[in-house]
């Protein structure tokens, strides 16, 4: 007996920042640009878009994550790498 596999809410591998918008778009079957615009509008209106994005980044596992228990460690490592990359880019701007 074949039972349909339940769709899970996962962060997408095709990402601009963390894959949250891509994962939500796939889950709700909409264009990722729409989800990104919603996050931007919420961020500009009251800042909740940024908070919501960060919370979802921490809670949503990656598509290729092995075990669900280490999602926070993976998300913090990704955030740390992103911040380090941004800091390096800003330093490079001021060195010119």
Protein backbone atom coordinates (compact mmCIF):
# COMPACT_ATOMS: atom_id res chain seq x y z
CA UNK A 1 0.00 0.00 0.00
CA UNK A 2 1.49 3.31 -1.08
CA UNK A 3 0.81 6.20 1.24
CA UNK A 4 1.66 9.73 0.15
CA UNK A 5 4.59 11.17 2.03
CA UNK A 6 3.68 14.14 4.19
CA UNK A 7 5.19 17.37 2.94
CA UNK A 8 7.68 18.85 5.41
CA UNK A 9 8.58 22.48 5.90
CA UNK A 10 12.30 22.60 5.02
CA UNK A 11 14.75 25.35 4.11
CA UNK A 12 15.60 25.28 0.42
CA UNK A 13 19.08 24.59 -0.96
CA UNK A 14 18.48 27.29 -3.59
CA UNK A 15 18.86 30.28 -1.34
CA UNK A 16 19.68 33.94 -1.27
CA UNK A 17 20.31 34.10 2.48
CA UNK A 18 19.16 31.03 4.40
CA UNK A 19 16.57 29.29 2.22
CA UNK A 20 13.62 30.21 4.42
CA UNK A 21 11.64 31.97 1.68
CA UNK A 22 12.36 29.20 -0.81
CA UNK A 23 11.25 26.54 1.66
CA UNK A 24 8.05 28.39 2.53
CA UNK A 25 7.34 28.98 -1.16
CA UNK A 26 7.75 25.29 -1.96
CA UNK A 27 5.59 24.30 1.02
CA UNK A 28 2.75 26.66 0.04
CA UNK A 29 3.34 26.21 -3.71
CA UNK A 30 3.91 29.90 -4.50
CA UNK A 31 6.75 31.86 -6.10
CA UNK A 32 9.68 32.53 -3.70
CA UNK A 33 9.73 36.18 -4.80
CA UNK A 34 6.27 36.65 -3.27
CA UNK A 35 7.44 35.22 0.05
CA UNK A 36 10.55 37.42 0.00
CA UNK A 37 8.43 40.50 -0.69
CA UNK A 38 6.19 39.63 2.24
CA UNK A 39 9.25 39.38 4.52
CA UNK A 40 10.55 42.74 3.24
CA UNK A 41 7.17 44.45 3.68
CA UNK A 42 6.79 43.06 7.21
CA UNK A 43 10.34 44.17 7.97
CA UNK A 44 9.69 47.69 6.75
CA UNK A 45 6.31 48.03 8.46
CA UNK A 46 7.12 46.92 11.97
CA UNK A 47 10.32 44.86 11.92
CA UNK A 48 8.50 41.57 12.37
CA UNK A 49 9.71 40.28 9.00
CA UNK A 50 13.29 40.24 10.25
CA UNK A 51 12.36 38.56 13.54
CA UNK A 52 10.14 36.01 11.81
CA UNK A 53 12.85 35.21 9.26
CA UNK A 54 15.46 34.66 11.98
CA UNK A 55 13.14 32.45 14.02
CA UNK A 56 12.25 30.36 10.98
CA UNK A 57 15.94 30.12 10.07
CA UNK A 58 16.57 28.57 13.49
CA UNK A 59 13.54 26.27 13.49
CA UNK A 60 13.34 25.02 9.89
CA UNK A 61 15.75 22.19 9.06
CA UNK A 62 17.75 22.11 5.83
CA UNK A 63 16.52 19.99 2.94
CA UNK A 64 19.65 17.90 3.13
CA UNK A 65 19.85 17.74 6.93
CA UNK A 66 20.58 14.27 8.22
CA UNK A 67 19.01 14.22 11.64
CA UNK A 68 16.50 16.81 12.90
CA UNK A 69 18.16 17.19 16.31
CA UNK A 70 21.10 19.31 15.18
CA UNK A 71 19.17 22.02 13.33
CA UNK A 72 20.03 24.78 15.82
CA UNK A 73 23.74 24.04 15.59
CA UNK A 74 23.61 24.07 11.79
CA UNK A 75 21.58 27.30 11.72
CA UNK A 76 23.95 29.05 14.16
CA UNK A 77 26.96 27.91 12.12
CA UNK A 78 25.34 29.29 8.95
CA UNK A 79 24.54 32.60 10.68
CA UNK A 80 28.09 32.86 12.01
CA UNK A 81 29.53 32.20 8.53
CA UNK A 82 27.21 34.80 6.97
CA UNK A 83 28.12 37.44 9.55
CA UNK A 84 31.84 36.71 9.15
CA UNK A 85 31.53 37.04 5.37
CA UNK A 86 29.68 40.36 5.72
CA UNK A 87 32.26 41.68 8.19
CA UNK A 88 35.07 40.72 5.80
CA UNK A 89 33.31 42.52 2.95
CA UNK A 90 32.83 45.67 5.05
CA UNK A 91 36.49 45.59 6.13
CA UNK A 92 37.53 45.26 2.50
CA UNK A 93 35.47 48.37 1.65
CA UNK A 94 37.24 50.45 4.29
CA UNK A 95 40.70 49.26 3.29
CA UNK A 96 40.41 50.89 -0.12
